[in-house]
Amino acid sequence: MNDMNAKKAAFERLIVVMDELREQCPWDKKQTMESLRHLTIEETYELADAILDKDLPNIKKELGDLLLHIVFYARIASETNDFDIADVMHALCEKLILRHPHIYGDVKVADEEEVKQNWEKIKMKEGHKSVLAGVPKTLPSVVKASRIQEKARAVGFDWEEKEEVWNKVLEEIHELKAEVEQGATKEKIESEFGDVMFALVNYARFLGVNAEDALERTNKKFIRRFQFLEEHAKKDGKQLDKMSLAEMDVYWNKAKETE
């Protein structure tokens, strides 16, 4: 069996298993799109964790879990004759072909940036009222900020040089500091703090850094070091809430050295 036939057979097997579960399993029978929604979000975050950890076996597992959800949603929709998995895949193929005229048409592009610009122009021709309309409302804020900035850049609304962006970061930090020193309201300080974060996400983009990934890696690093502190302080018969910051810093620095 060649590679393509093997992939077809595997996908057909998944569809059969999904149909059997939906028809025979008490739990699967009860599920709706709404009941699956939060589980899909959870699976997406689990995949994101595996990717950051470079855990390929777990990436494979989590991709399977997400694929199951996609097939599940399509099966539910097929029961009301709205669409099925074939409709989902054909619609996706048509969209990809339409939005890649440099592959399936005679449009010429110089680089990735022009591909993005063409993508946004095509979306506007499809009826999108705003370049930002496709940014999901429920995205985590750091991810959303990055996507907003990328989409604005695709139509030319962006800084030219990273130095300009860094100056904007410094300007926003200065404004935040001024509001804090003046005893501004919580709402005003929150607004200025948001501006600082938005500017930092923008600067990360100019550095080629994914702000969400960077922050999550720092979260993981903090957790590792703090748990090292907890574990070794306990071995030495100490309680964190009875230790000074200087004492805890000794363990913290040891944790850094182990890395």
C-alpha atoms as a PDB file:
ATOM      1  CA  MET A   1       0.000   0.000   0.000  1.00  0.00           C
ATOM      2  CA  ASN A   2       1.495   3.346  -1.013  1.00  0.00           C
ATOM      3  CA  ASP A   3       1.760   6.299   1.357  1.00  0.00           C
ATOM      4  CA  MET A   4      -1.318   8.108   0.032  1.00  0.00           C
ATOM      5  CA  ASN A   5      -3.474   4.974   0.237  1.00  0.00           C
ATOM      6  CA  ALA A   6      -2.255   4.372   3.777  1.00  0.00           C
ATOM      7  CA  LYS A   7      -3.302   7.894   4.786  1.00  0.00           C
ATOM      8  CA  LYS A   8      -6.711   7.457   3.158  1.00  0.00           C
ATOM      9  CA  ALA A   9      -7.215   4.141   4.927  1.00  0.00           C
ATOM     10  CA  ALA A  10      -6.240   5.655   8.279  1.00  0.00           C
ATOM     11  CA  PHE A  11      -8.666   8.552   7.846  1.00  0.00           C
ATOM     12  CA  GLU A  12     -11.466   6.217   6.771  1.00  0.00           C
ATOM     13  CA  ARG A  13     -10.783   4.092   9.854  1.00  0.00           C
ATOM     14  CA  LEU A  14     -11.117   7.184  12.062  1.00  0.00           C
ATOM     15  CA  ILE A  15     -14.454   8.074  10.451  1.00  0.00           C
ATOM     16  CA  VAL A  16     -15.751   4.537  11.043  1.00  0.00           C
ATOM     17  CA  VAL A  17     -14.630   4.584  14.685  1.00  0.00           C
ATOM     18  CA  MET A  18     -16.241   8.010  15.174  1.00  0.00           C
ATOM     19  CA  ASP A  19     -19.513   6.761  13.707  1.00  0.00           C
ATOM     20  CA  GLU A  20     -19.452   3.690  15.956  1.00  0.00           C
ATOM     21  CA  LEU A  21     -18.778   5.747  19.068  1.00  0.00           C
ATOM     22  CA  ARG A  22     -21.511   8.252  18.257  1.00  0.00           C
ATOM     23  CA  GLU A  23     -24.026   5.484  17.696  1.00  0.00           C
ATOM     24  CA  GLN A  24     -23.065   3.140  20.542  1.00  0.00           C
ATOM     25  CA  CYS A  25     -21.227   4.957  23.370  1.00  0.00           C
ATOM     26  CA  PRO A  26     -23.501   6.616  26.001  1.00  0.00           C
ATOM     27  CA  TRP A  27     -21.043   9.494  26.540  1.00  0.00           C
ATOM     28  CA  ASP A  28     -20.424  10.168  22.850  1.00  0.00           C
ATOM     29  CA  LYS A  29     -24.160  10.045  22.109  1.00  0.00           C
ATOM     30  CA  LYS A  30     -24.826  12.883  24.552  1.00  0.00           C
ATOM     31  CA  GLN A  31     -22.212  15.325  23.250  1.00  0.00           C
ATOM     32  CA  THR A  32     -23.082  18.557  21.456  1.00  0.00           C
ATOM     33  CA  MET A  33     -20.886  21.213  19.858  1.00  0.00           C
ATOM     34  CA  GLU A  34     -21.353  23.303  22.982  1.00  0.00           C
ATOM     35  CA  SER A  35     -20.354  20.493  25.350  1.00  0.00           C
ATOM     36  CA  LEU A  36     -17.219  19.753  23.309  1.00  0.00           C
ATOM     37  CA  ARG A  37     -16.110  23.389  23.026  1.00  0.00           C
ATOM     38  CA  HIS A  38     -14.235  23.678  26.334  1.00  0.00           C
ATOM     39  CA  LEU A  39     -12.634  20.269  25.794  1.00  0.00           C
ATOM     40  CA  THR A  40     -11.349  21.394  22.389  1.00  0.00           C
ATOM     41  CA  ILE A  41      -9.802  24.490  23.963  1.00  0.00           C
ATOM     42  CA  GLU A  42      -8.150  22.296  26.600  1.00  0.00           C
ATOM     43  CA  GLU A  43      -6.767  19.941  23.951  1.00  0.00           C
ATOM     44  CA  THR A  44      -5.363  22.915  22.022  1.00  0.00           C
ATOM     45  CA  TYR A  45      -3.485  24.125  25.083  1.00  0.00           C
ATOM     46  CA  GLU A  46      -2.160  20.620  25.717  1.00  0.00           C
ATOM     47  CA  LEU A  47      -0.821  20.558  22.155  1.00  0.00           C
ATOM     48  CA  ALA A  48       0.734  23.997  22.681  1.00  0.00           C
ATOM     49  CA  ASP A  49       2.478  22.735  25.833  1.00  0.00           C
ATOM     50  CA  ALA A  50       3.839  19.694  24.009  1.00  0.00           C
ATOM     51  CA  ILE A  51       5.180  21.888  21.200  1.00  0.00           C
ATOM     52  CA  LEU A  52       6.996  24.180  23.648  1.00  0.00           C
ATOM     53  CA  ASP A  53       8.449  21.116  25.367  1.00  0.00           C
ATOM     54  CA  LYS A  54       9.530  19.686  21.973  1.00  0.00           C
ATOM     55  CA  ASP A  55       7.831  16.450  23.078  1.00  0.00           C
ATOM     56  CA  LEU A  56       7.201  14.785  19.702  1.00  0.00           C
ATOM     57  CA  PRO A  57       5.424  11.662  21.041  1.00  0.00           C
ATOM     58  CA  ASN A  58       3.033  13.900  22.966  1.00  0.00           C
ATOM     59  CA  ILE A  59       2.602  16.233  19.980  1.00  0.00           C
ATOM     60  CA  LYS A  60       1.473  13.212  17.955  1.00  0.00           C
ATOM     61  CA  LYS A  61      -0.991  12.244  20.699  1.00  0.00           C
ATOM     62  CA  GLU A  62      -2.416  15.749  21.063  1.00  0.00           C
ATOM     63  CA  LEU A  63      -2.768  16.152  17.293  1.00  0.00           C
ATOM     64  CA  GLY A  64      -4.836  12.979  17.348  1.00  0.00           C
ATOM     65  CA  ASP A  65      -7.044  14.358  20.099  1.00  0.00           C
ATOM     66  CA  LEU A  66      -7.643  17.557  18.127  1.00  0.00           C
ATOM     67  CA  LEU A  67      -8.358  15.602  14.956  1.00  0.00           C
ATOM     68  CA  LEU A  68     -10.919  13.557  16.855  1.00  0.00           C
ATOM     69  CA  HIS A  69     -12.689  16.760  17.872  1.00  0.00           C
ATOM     70  CA  ILE A  70     -12.790  18.037  14.292  1.00  0.00           C
ATOM     71  CA  VAL A  71     -14.297  14.777  13.088  1.00  0.00           C
ATOM     72  CA  PHE A  72     -16.720  14.815  16.047  1.00  0.00           C
ATOM     73  CA  TYR A  73     -18.043  18.302  15.232  1.00  0.00           C
ATOM     74  CA  ALA A  74     -18.523  17.316  11.596  1.00  0.00           C
ATOM     75  CA  ARG A  75     -20.371  14.122  12.597  1.00  0.00           C
ATOM     76  CA  ILE A  76     -22.736  16.136  14.810  1.00  0.00           C
ATOM     77  CA  ALA A  77     -23.421  18.601  11.979  1.00  0.00           C
ATOM     78  CA  SER A  78     -24.078  15.748   9.543  1.00  0.00           C
ATOM     79  CA  GLU A  79     -26.924  14.530  11.748  1.00  0.00           C
ATOM     80  CA  THR A  80     -28.865  17.727  10.965  1.00  0.00           C
ATOM     81  CA  ASN A  81     -27.722  17.718   7.319  1.00  0.00           C
ATOM     82  CA  ASP A  82     -25.820  20.984   7.763  1.00  0.00           C
ATOM     83  CA  PHE A  83     -22.417  19.681   6.641  1.00  0.00           C
ATOM     84  CA  ASP A  84     -20.123  16.675   7.008  1.00  0.00           C
ATOM     85  CA  ILE A  85     -16.379  16.121   7.146  1.00  0.00           C
ATOM     86  CA  ALA A  86     -16.127  16.043   3.332  1.00  0.00           C
ATOM     87  CA  ASP A  87     -17.761  19.476   3.139  1.00  0.00           C
ATOM     88  CA  VAL A  88     -15.275  20.767   5.722  1.00  0.00           C
ATOM     89  CA  MET A  89     -12.278  19.505   3.752  1.00  0.00           C
ATOM     90  CA  HIS A  90     -13.544  20.669   0.355  1.00  0.00           C
ATOM     91  CA  ALA A  91     -14.296  24.144   1.730  1.00  0.00           C
ATOM     92  CA  LEU A  92     -10.800  24.285   3.210  1.00  0.00           C
ATOM     93  CA  CYS A  93      -9.184  23.241  -0.067  1.00  0.00           C
ATOM     94  CA  GLU A  94     -11.169  25.846  -2.017  1.00  0.00           C
ATOM     95  CA  LYS A  95     -10.136  28.568   0.448  1.00  0.00           C
ATOM     96  CA  LEU A  96      -6.471  27.579   0.297  1.00  0.00           C
ATOM     97  CA  ILE A  97      -6.484  27.541  -3.507  1.00  0.00           C
ATOM     98  CA  LEU A  98      -8.238  30.915  -3.684  1.00  0.00           C
ATOM     99  CA  ARG A  99      -5.874  32.530  -1.190  1.00  0.00           C
ATOM    100  CA  HIS A 100      -2.690  31.205  -2.821  1.00  0.00           C
ATOM    101  CA  PRO A 101      -2.881  32.713  -6.321  1.00  0.00           C
ATOM    102  CA  HIS A 102       0.937  32.649  -6.424  1.00  0.00           C
ATOM    103  CA  ILE A 103       0.676  28.839  -6.427  1.00  0.00           C
ATOM    104  CA  TYR A 104      -2.620  28.209  -8.222  1.00  0.00           C
ATOM    105  CA  GLY A 105      -2.697  31.326 -10.401  1.00  0.00           C
ATOM    106  CA  ASP A 106      -0.367  33.727 -12.160  1.00  0.00           C
ATOM    107  CA  VAL A 107       0.340  36.108  -9.274  1.00  0.00           C
ATOM    108  CA  LYS A 108       4.020  36.681  -8.491  1.00  0.00           C
ATOM    109  CA  VAL A 109       5.285  37.256  -4.941  1.00  0.00           C
ATOM    110  CA  ALA A 110       8.743  38.230  -3.755  1.00  0.00           C
ATOM    111  CA  ASP A 111       8.600  36.905  -0.223  1.00  0.00           C
ATOM    112  CA  GLU A 112       6.509  35.787   2.757  1.00  0.00           C
ATOM    113  CA  GLU A 113       5.459  39.377   3.488  1.00  0.00           C
ATOM    114  CA  GLU A 114       3.763  39.725   0.094  1.00  0.00           C
ATOM    115  CA  VAL A 115       1.987  36.401   0.651  1.00  0.00           C
ATOM    116  CA  LYS A 116       0.503  37.797   3.885  1.00  0.00           C
ATOM    117  CA  GLN A 117      -0.515  41.045   2.193  1.00  0.00           C
ATOM    118  CA  ASN A 118      -2.255  39.187  -0.636  1.00  0.00           C
ATOM    119  CA  TRP A 119      -4.018  36.943   1.893  1.00  0.00           C
ATOM    120  CA  GLU A 120      -5.561  39.933   3.657  1.00  0.00           C
ATOM    121  CA  LYS A 121      -6.552  41.622   0.390  1.00  0.00           C
ATOM    122  CA  ILE A 122      -8.303  38.452  -0.775  1.00  0.00           C
ATOM    123  CA  LYS A 123     -10.152  38.163   2.550  1.00  0.00           C
ATOM    124  CA  MET A 124     -11.442  41.720   2.134  1.00  0.00           C
ATOM    125  CA  LYS A 125     -12.690  40.852  -1.362  1.00  0.00           C
ATOM    126  CA  GLU A 126     -14.528  37.873   0.170  1.00  0.00           C
ATOM    127  CA  GLY A 127     -16.656  40.271   2.182  1.00  0.00           C
ATOM    128  CA  HIS A 128     -14.723  40.815   5.408  1.00  0.00           C
ATOM    129  CA  LYS A 129     -15.619  44.291   6.677  1.00  0.00           C
ATOM    130  CA  SER A 130     -12.373  44.749   8.604  1.00  0.00           C
ATOM    131  CA  VAL A 131      -8.839  43.430   8.373  1.00  0.00           C
ATOM    132  CA  LEU A 132      -9.161  42.654  12.090  1.00  0.00           C
ATOM    133  CA  ALA A 133     -12.490  40.843  11.788  1.00  0.00           C
ATOM    134  CA  GLY A 134     -10.820  37.435  11.695  1.00  0.00           C
ATOM    135  CA  VAL A 135      -9.119  37.797  15.091  1.00  0.00           C
ATOM    136  CA  PRO A 136     -11.074  35.585  17.547  1.00  0.00           C
ATOM    137  CA  LYS A 137     -12.503  37.506  20.488  1.00  0.00           C
ATOM    138  CA  THR A 138     -11.573  34.756  22.945  1.00  0.00           C
ATOM    139  CA  LEU A 139      -7.874  34.531  22.050  1.00  0.00           C
ATOM    140  CA  PRO A 140      -5.494  34.992  24.996  1.00  0.00           C
ATOM    141  CA  SER A 141      -4.574  38.673  25.141  1.00  0.00           C
ATOM    142  CA  VAL A 142      -0.889  38.313  24.237  1.00  0.00           C
ATOM    143  CA  VAL A 143      -1.711  36.131  21.230  1.00  0.00           C
ATOM    144  CA  LYS A 144      -4.503  38.498  20.210  1.00  0.00           C
ATOM    145  CA  ALA A 145      -2.195  41.527  20.377  1.00  0.00           C
ATOM    146  CA  SER A 146       0.307  39.791  18.110  1.00  0.00           C
ATOM    147  CA  ARG A 147      -2.357  38.745  15.591  1.00  0.00           C
ATOM    148  CA  ILE A 148      -3.832  42.267  15.517  1.00  0.00           C
ATOM    149  CA  GLN A 149      -0.401  43.723  14.806  1.00  0.00           C
ATOM    150  CA  GLU A 150       0.362  41.161  12.098  1.00  0.00           C
ATOM    151  CA  LYS A 151      -2.918  41.847  10.334  1.00  0.00           C
ATOM    152  CA  ALA A 152      -2.418  45.622  10.513  1.00  0.00           C
ATOM    153  CA  ARG A 153       1.069  45.176   9.053  1.00  0.00           C
ATOM    154  CA  ALA A 154      -0.342  43.202   6.129  1.00  0.00           C
ATOM    155  CA  VAL A 155      -2.085  46.362   4.911  1.00  0.00           C
ATOM    156  CA  GLY A 156       0.848  48.665   5.613  1.00  0.00           C
ATOM    157  CA  PHE A 157      -0.073  50.001   9.066  1.00  0.00           C
ATOM    158  CA  ASP A 158       3.157  49.369  10.940  1.00  0.00           C
ATOM    159  CA  TRP A 159       6.476  50.803  12.025  1.00  0.00           C
ATOM    160  CA  GLU A 160       9.404  50.644   9.607  1.00  0.00           C
ATOM    161  CA  GLU A 161      12.321  50.062  11.992  1.00  0.00           C
ATOM    162  CA  LYS A 162      12.588  48.159  15.274  1.00  0.00           C
ATOM    163  CA  GLU A 163      14.326  51.154  16.883  1.00  0.00           C
ATOM    164  CA  GLU A 164      11.107  53.120  16.426  1.00  0.00           C
ATOM    165  CA  VAL A 165       9.180  50.379  18.169  1.00  0.00           C
ATOM    166  CA  TRP A 166      11.654  50.280  21.061  1.00  0.00           C
ATOM    167  CA  ASN A 167      11.296  54.044  21.473  1.00  0.00           C
ATOM    168  CA  LYS A 168       7.529  53.500  21.662  1.00  0.00           C
ATOM    169  CA  VAL A 169       8.070  50.925  24.428  1.00  0.00           C
ATOM    170  CA  LEU A 170      10.155  53.443  26.397  1.00  0.00           C
ATOM    171  CA  GLU A 171       7.542  56.146  25.827  1.00  0.00           C
ATOM    172  CA  GLU A 172       4.752  53.905  27.130  1.00  0.00           C
ATOM    173  CA  ILE A 173       6.819  52.884  30.177  1.00  0.00           C
ATOM    174  CA  HIS A 174       7.465  56.568  30.940  1.00  0.00           C
ATOM    175  CA  GLU A 175       3.730  57.323  30.684  1.00  0.00           C
ATOM    176  CA  LEU A 176       2.899  54.408  32.997  1.00  0.00           C
ATOM    177  CA  LYS A 177       5.500  55.551  35.536  1.00  0.00           C
ATOM    178  CA  ALA A 178       4.129  59.101  35.422  1.00  0.00           C
ATOM    179  CA  GLU A 179       0.559  57.937  36.074  1.00  0.00           C
ATOM    180  CA  VAL A 180       1.685  55.776  39.017  1.00  0.00           C
ATOM    181  CA  GLU A 181       3.680  58.633  40.547  1.00  0.00           C
ATOM    182  CA  GLN A 182       0.730  61.008  40.136  1.00  0.00           C
ATOM    183  CA  GLY A 183      -1.566  58.622  41.971  1.00  0.00           C
ATOM    184  CA  ALA A 184      -3.817  58.061  38.968  1.00  0.00           C
ATOM    185  CA  THR A 185      -6.904  55.884  39.162  1.00  0.00           C
ATOM    186  CA  LYS A 186      -6.609  52.116  38.826  1.00  0.00           C
ATOM    187  CA  GLU A 187      -8.384  52.327  35.462  1.00  0.00           C
ATOM    188  CA  LYS A 188      -5.867  54.860  34.088  1.00  0.00           C
ATOM    189  CA  ILE A 189      -2.888  52.861  35.347  1.00  0.00           C
ATOM    190  CA  GLU A 190      -4.385  49.693  33.875  1.00  0.00           C
ATOM    191  CA  SER A 191      -4.807  51.458  30.541  1.00  0.00           C
ATOM    192  CA  GLU A 192      -1.181  52.615  30.513  1.00  0.00           C
ATOM    193  CA  PHE A 193       0.017  49.164  31.599  1.00  0.00           C
ATOM    194  CA  GLY A 194      -1.896  47.655  28.685  1.00  0.00           C
ATOM    195  CA  ASP A 195      -0.178  50.100  26.325  1.00  0.00           C
ATOM    196  CA  VAL A 196       3.224  48.968  27.640  1.00  0.00           C
ATOM    197  CA  MET A 197       2.372  45.309  27.075  1.00  0.00           C
ATOM    198  CA  PHE A 198       1.008  45.983  23.588  1.00  0.00           C
ATOM    199  CA  ALA A 199       4.186  47.880  22.691  1.00  0.00           C
ATOM    200  CA  LEU A 200       6.370  45.052  24.050  1.00  0.00           C
ATOM    201  CA  VAL A 201       4.462  42.468  22.002  1.00  0.00           C
ATOM    202  CA  ASN A 202       5.026  44.700  18.979  1.00  0.00           C
ATOM    203  CA  TYR A 203       8.762  44.912  19.710  1.00  0.00           C
ATOM    204  CA  ALA A 204       8.938  41.134  20.125  1.00  0.00           C
ATOM    205  CA  ARG A 205       7.426  40.776  16.660  1.00  0.00           C
ATOM    206  CA  PHE A 206      10.136  43.018  15.189  1.00  0.00           C
ATOM    207  CA  LEU A 207      12.778  40.874  16.896  1.00  0.00           C
ATOM    208  CA  GLY A 208      11.266  37.724  15.415  1.00  0.00           C
ATOM    209  CA  VAL A 209      10.217  36.539  18.876  1.00  0.00           C
ATOM    210  CA  ASN A 210       6.803  35.029  19.619  1.00  0.00           C
ATOM    211  CA  ALA A 211       5.717  36.944  22.732  1.00  0.00           C
ATOM    212  CA  GLU A 212       3.302  34.243  23.897  1.00  0.00           C
ATOM    213  CA  ASP A 213       5.930  31.504  23.604  1.00  0.00           C
ATOM    214  CA  ALA A 214       8.537  33.693  25.310  1.00  0.00           C
ATOM    215  CA  LEU A 215       6.266  34.428  28.271  1.00  0.00           C
ATOM    216  CA  GLU A 216       5.195  30.791  28.596  1.00  0.00           C
ATOM    217  CA  ARG A 217       8.816  29.634  28.595  1.00  0.00           C
ATOM    218  CA  THR A 218       9.517  32.156  31.354  1.00  0.00           C
ATOM    219  CA  ASN A 219       6.493  30.804  33.279  1.00  0.00           C
ATOM    220  CA  LYS A 220       7.887  27.286  32.970  1.00  0.00           C
ATOM    221  CA  LYS A 221      11.349  28.472  34.023  1.00  0.00           C
ATOM    222  CA  PHE A 222       9.931  30.204  37.105  1.00  0.00           C
ATOM    223  CA  ILE A 223       7.960  27.093  38.060  1.00  0.00           C
ATOM    224  CA  ARG A 224      11.086  24.895  37.731  1.00  0.00           C
ATOM    225  CA  ARG A 225      13.176  27.197  39.867  1.00  0.00           C
ATOM    226  CA  PHE A 226      10.495  27.777  42.488  1.00  0.00           C
ATOM    227  CA  GLN A 227       9.834  24.059  42.841  1.00  0.00           C
ATOM    228  CA  PHE A 228      13.599  23.512  43.220  1.00  0.00           C
ATOM    229  CA  LEU A 229      13.523  26.099  46.005  1.00  0.00           C
ATOM    230  CA  GLU A 230      10.576  24.338  47.690  1.00  0.00           C
ATOM    231  CA  GLU A 231      12.111  20.879  47.408  1.00  0.00           C
ATOM    232  CA  HIS A 232      15.583  21.768  48.672  1.00  0.00           C
ATOM    233  CA  ALA A 233      14.373  24.052  51.435  1.00  0.00           C
ATOM    234  CA  LYS A 234      12.171  21.211  52.686  1.00  0.00           C
ATOM    235  CA  LYS A 235      15.151  18.800  52.589  1.00  0.00           C
ATOM    236  CA  ASP A 236      17.002  21.252  54.806  1.00  0.00           C
ATOM    237  CA  GLY A 237      14.077  21.357  57.243  1.00  0.00           C
ATOM    238  CA  LYS A 238      13.017  24.900  56.369  1.00  0.00           C
ATOM    239  CA  GLN A 239       9.569  26.385  55.735  1.00  0.00           C
ATOM    240  CA  LEU A 240       9.230  28.989  53.009  1.00  0.00           C
ATOM    241  CA  ASP A 241       6.877  31.184  55.012  1.00  0.00           C
ATOM    242  CA  LYS A 242       9.473  31.308  57.797  1.00  0.00           C
ATOM    243  CA  MET A 243      12.418  32.151  55.516  1.00  0.00           C
ATOM    244  CA  SER A 244      13.698  35.583  54.548  1.00  0.00           C
ATOM    245  CA  LEU A 245      13.918  36.615  50.908  1.00  0.00           C
ATOM    246  CA  ALA A 246      17.719  36.493  51.187  1.00  0.00           C
ATOM    247  CA  GLU A 247      17.557  32.876  52.374  1.00  0.00           C
ATOM    248  CA  MET A 248      15.233  31.930  49.536  1.00  0.00           C
ATOM    249  CA  ASP A 249      17.527  33.670  47.047  1.00  0.00           C
ATOM    250  CA  VAL A 250      20.299  31.219  47.950  1.00  0.00           C
ATOM    251  CA  TYR A 251      18.165  28.300  46.728  1.00  0.00           C
ATOM    252  CA  TRP A 252      16.918  30.325  43.761  1.00  0.00           C
ATOM    253  CA  ASN A 253      20.492  30.970  42.615  1.00  0.00           C
ATOM    254  CA  LYS A 254      21.312  27.272  43.035  1.00  0.00           C
ATOM    255  CA  ALA A 255      18.345  26.468  40.815  1.00  0.00           C
ATOM    256  CA  LYS A 256      19.724  28.849  38.172  1.00  0.00           C
ATOM    257  CA  GLU A 257      23.149  27.212  38.410  1.00  0.00           C
ATOM    258  CA  THR A 258      21.661  23.751  37.764  1.00  0.00           C
ATOM    259  CA  GLU A 259      20.282  25.022  34.464  1.00  0.00           C
END
